[in-house]
Amino acid sequence: DRTQISTLMSRRKAVEAERMRQREAGFSLDGMARARLPTYNALTDGHLRSFFESRNVQTVLYKHGLIDADGRILDLDRSKSKLSIIEQEFTNAEREEFRRLLEEHDLQQRISRRRTELLQEEEKRQRLAAAKAHRRSTSQLYGGSASTGRARSGKSSKGSSS
């Protein structure tokens, strides 16, 4: 009798121990790290409604962009996506403005270089024209009267020696 009771007790303990091992095997804290808690929005909590309806709190919520002027709750995800789109447009506009300024600067440099080249060419033409004019004037002085000028100097030197 006692042996049967003790065997039943030991079987019961064995069954209970096995059941506990199975329960413990199914329990893991690893999933807690990956588990996502449901999102909570205090603005939609019915128990806090009277708090959020006060004028002072509504003013603060409006300043922070959580509600609109009529007191309606704004969807921040949608607002963030709109803001992201606007920021992208500003970035693109700034990039385009920078590109336009670079092109304008490049054009101004090309115009300045061309003006400098034209001025240098004009100065060169003027120098050449002045050199030609100088050559013509010297050739007229020495070309047509060069022999007479030499002759005069020769005559005067001959005349002074005689």
Protein backbone atom coordinates (compact mmCIF):
# COMPACT_ATOMS: atom_id res chain seq x y z
CA ASP A 1 0.00 0.00 0.00
CA ARG A 2 2.68 2.41 1.01
CA THR A 3 4.81 1.35 -1.87
CA GLN A 4 1.97 2.02 -4.28
CA ILE A 5 1.40 5.44 -2.74
CA SER A 6 5.07 6.25 -2.93
CA THR A 7 5.25 5.10 -6.57
CA LEU A 8 2.15 7.15 -7.37
CA MET A 9 3.71 10.15 -5.63
CA SER A 10 6.96 9.71 -7.45
CA ARG A 11 5.09 9.34 -10.78
CA ARG A 12 3.08 12.44 -9.95
CA LYS A 13 6.28 14.34 -9.11
CA ALA A 14 7.86 13.09 -12.34
CA VAL A 15 4.83 14.20 -14.39
CA GLU A 16 4.77 17.55 -12.61
CA ALA A 17 8.51 17.98 -13.13
CA GLU A 18 8.17 17.15 -16.82
CA ARG A 19 5.31 19.59 -17.18
CA MET A 20 7.39 22.30 -15.50
CA ARG A 21 10.36 21.54 -17.79
CA GLN A 22 8.09 21.91 -20.83
CA ARG A 23 6.72 25.21 -19.53
CA GLU A 24 10.20 26.50 -18.79
CA ALA A 25 11.42 25.41 -22.22
CA GLY A 26 8.67 27.47 -23.81
CA PHE A 27 9.60 30.54 -21.75
CA SER A 28 12.27 32.77 -23.24
CA LEU A 29 13.27 36.36 -22.56
CA ASP A 30 14.85 36.65 -26.01
CA GLY A 31 11.52 37.55 -27.56
CA MET A 32 11.09 40.52 -25.22
CA ALA A 33 13.93 42.36 -26.90
CA ARG A 34 12.25 41.98 -30.28
CA ALA A 35 8.68 42.46 -29.09
CA ARG A 36 7.16 45.82 -29.92
CA LEU A 37 4.95 47.52 -27.45
CA PRO A 38 1.78 49.01 -28.87
CA THR A 39 2.15 52.70 -29.60
CA TYR A 40 0.52 55.05 -27.16
CA ASN A 41 -0.68 58.51 -28.01
CA ALA A 42 -1.70 60.51 -24.97
CA LEU A 43 -3.58 62.96 -27.19
CA THR A 44 -6.06 60.25 -28.08
CA ASP A 45 -6.39 58.91 -24.52
CA GLY A 46 -9.98 59.55 -23.36
CA HIS A 47 -8.90 59.79 -19.72
CA LEU A 48 -6.64 62.77 -20.54
CA ARG A 49 -9.16 64.59 -22.72
CA SER A 50 -10.07 67.24 -20.16
CA PHE A 51 -6.36 67.98 -19.59
CA PHE A 52 -5.66 68.46 -23.29
CA GLU A 53 -8.77 70.63 -23.76
CA SER A 54 -7.45 73.36 -21.43
CA ARG A 55 -6.51 76.59 -23.19
CA ASN A 56 -2.91 76.69 -21.88
CA VAL A 57 -2.16 73.12 -22.91
CA GLN A 58 -3.75 73.67 -26.34
CA THR A 59 -1.51 76.72 -26.84
CA VAL A 60 1.60 74.66 -26.05
CA LEU A 61 0.46 71.78 -28.28
CA TYR A 62 -0.21 74.21 -31.15
CA LYS A 63 3.22 75.85 -30.77
CA HIS A 64 4.87 72.42 -30.94
CA GLY A 65 2.87 71.45 -34.03
CA LEU A 66 0.94 68.60 -32.42
CA ILE A 67 -2.50 70.11 -33.12
CA ASP A 68 -3.83 72.55 -35.69
CA ALA A 69 -5.50 75.91 -34.99
CA ASP A 70 -8.88 74.22 -34.59
CA GLY A 71 -7.52 71.80 -31.96
CA ARG A 72 -7.46 68.73 -34.21
CA ILE A 73 -4.63 66.26 -33.66
CA LEU A 74 -2.08 66.29 -36.49
CA ASP A 75 -0.72 63.05 -37.89
CA LEU A 76 2.99 63.46 -37.21
CA ASP A 77 4.04 60.72 -39.63
CA ARG A 78 2.20 62.41 -42.47
CA SER A 79 3.51 65.80 -41.37
CA LYS A 80 7.05 64.41 -41.24
CA SER A 81 6.73 63.01 -44.74
CA LYS A 82 5.44 66.37 -46.01
CA LEU A 83 8.27 68.12 -44.19
CA SER A 84 10.74 65.66 -45.69
CA ILE A 85 9.42 66.40 -49.16
CA ILE A 86 9.68 70.15 -48.55
CA GLU A 87 13.24 69.75 -47.22
CA GLN A 88 14.16 67.74 -50.32
CA GLU A 89 12.71 70.47 -52.53
CA PHE A 90 14.72 73.10 -50.64
CA THR A 91 17.86 70.99 -50.99
CA ASN A 92 17.25 70.58 -54.73
CA ALA A 93 16.55 74.31 -55.09
CA GLU A 94 19.77 75.17 -53.22
CA ARG A 95 21.73 72.73 -55.38
CA GLU A 96 20.22 74.26 -58.53
CA GLU A 97 20.96 77.79 -57.30
CA PHE A 98 24.55 76.79 -56.54
CA ARG A 99 24.89 75.26 -60.01
CA ARG A 100 23.43 78.40 -61.58
CA LEU A 101 25.84 80.60 -59.62
CA LEU A 102 28.77 78.45 -60.75
CA GLU A 103 27.65 78.73 -64.36
CA GLU A 104 27.22 82.49 -63.97
CA HIS A 105 30.67 82.78 -62.39
CA ASP A 106 32.15 80.67 -65.19
CA LEU A 107 30.45 82.86 -67.80
CA GLN A 108 31.77 86.02 -66.10
CA GLN A 109 35.29 84.57 -66.10
CA ARG A 110 35.04 83.66 -69.79
CA ILE A 111 33.76 87.16 -70.61
CA SER A 112 36.56 88.71 -68.56
CA ARG A 113 39.18 86.51 -70.28
CA ARG A 114 37.78 87.41 -73.70
CA ARG A 115 37.83 91.13 -72.86
CA THR A 116 41.41 90.82 -71.66
CA GLU A 117 42.37 88.99 -74.87
CA LEU A 118 40.66 91.66 -76.98
CA LEU A 119 42.40 94.45 -75.06
CA GLN A 120 45.75 92.71 -75.45
CA GLU A 121 45.13 92.24 -79.19
CA GLU A 122 44.15 95.92 -79.51
CA GLU A 123 47.26 97.01 -77.59
CA LYS A 124 49.37 94.78 -79.85
CA ARG A 125 47.74 96.30 -82.96
CA GLN A 126 48.37 99.79 -81.60
CA ARG A 127 52.01 98.96 -80.83
CA LEU A 128 52.43 97.49 -84.31
CA ALA A 129 50.75 100.53 -85.85
CA ALA A 130 52.96 102.84 -83.80
CA ALA A 131 56.05 100.85 -84.78
CA LYS A 132 55.06 101.01 -88.47
CA ALA A 133 54.40 104.73 -88.20
CA HIS A 134 57.77 105.21 -86.52
CA ARG A 135 59.47 103.16 -89.24
CA ARG A 136 57.72 105.21 -91.94
CA SER A 137 58.68 108.47 -90.31
CA THR A 138 62.28 107.37 -89.84
CA SER A 139 62.44 105.99 -93.37
CA GLN A 140 61.07 109.26 -94.68
CA LEU A 141 63.60 111.19 -92.67
CA TYR A 142 66.54 108.98 -93.52
CA GLY A 143 65.25 107.28 -96.67
CA GLY A 144 64.69 110.36 -98.88
CA SER A 145 67.16 112.78 -97.22
CA ALA A 146 69.54 110.27 -95.73
CA SER A 147 72.06 110.67 -98.58
CA THR A 148 71.79 114.44 -98.49
CA GLY A 149 72.08 114.45 -94.75
CA ARG A 150 75.22 112.38 -94.94
CA ALA A 151 76.52 114.49 -97.70
CA ARG A 152 75.91 117.63 -95.67
CA SER A 153 77.65 116.20 -92.70
CA GLY A 154 80.47 115.14 -95.00
CA LYS A 155 80.65 118.56 -96.61
CA SER A 156 80.65 120.29 -93.29
CA SER A 157 83.36 118.03 -92.00
CA LYS A 158 85.33 118.61 -95.19
CA GLY A 159 84.67 122.29 -94.99
CA SER A 160 85.79 122.52 -91.42
CA SER A 161 88.95 120.62 -92.14
CA SER A 162 89.84 122.91 -95.09
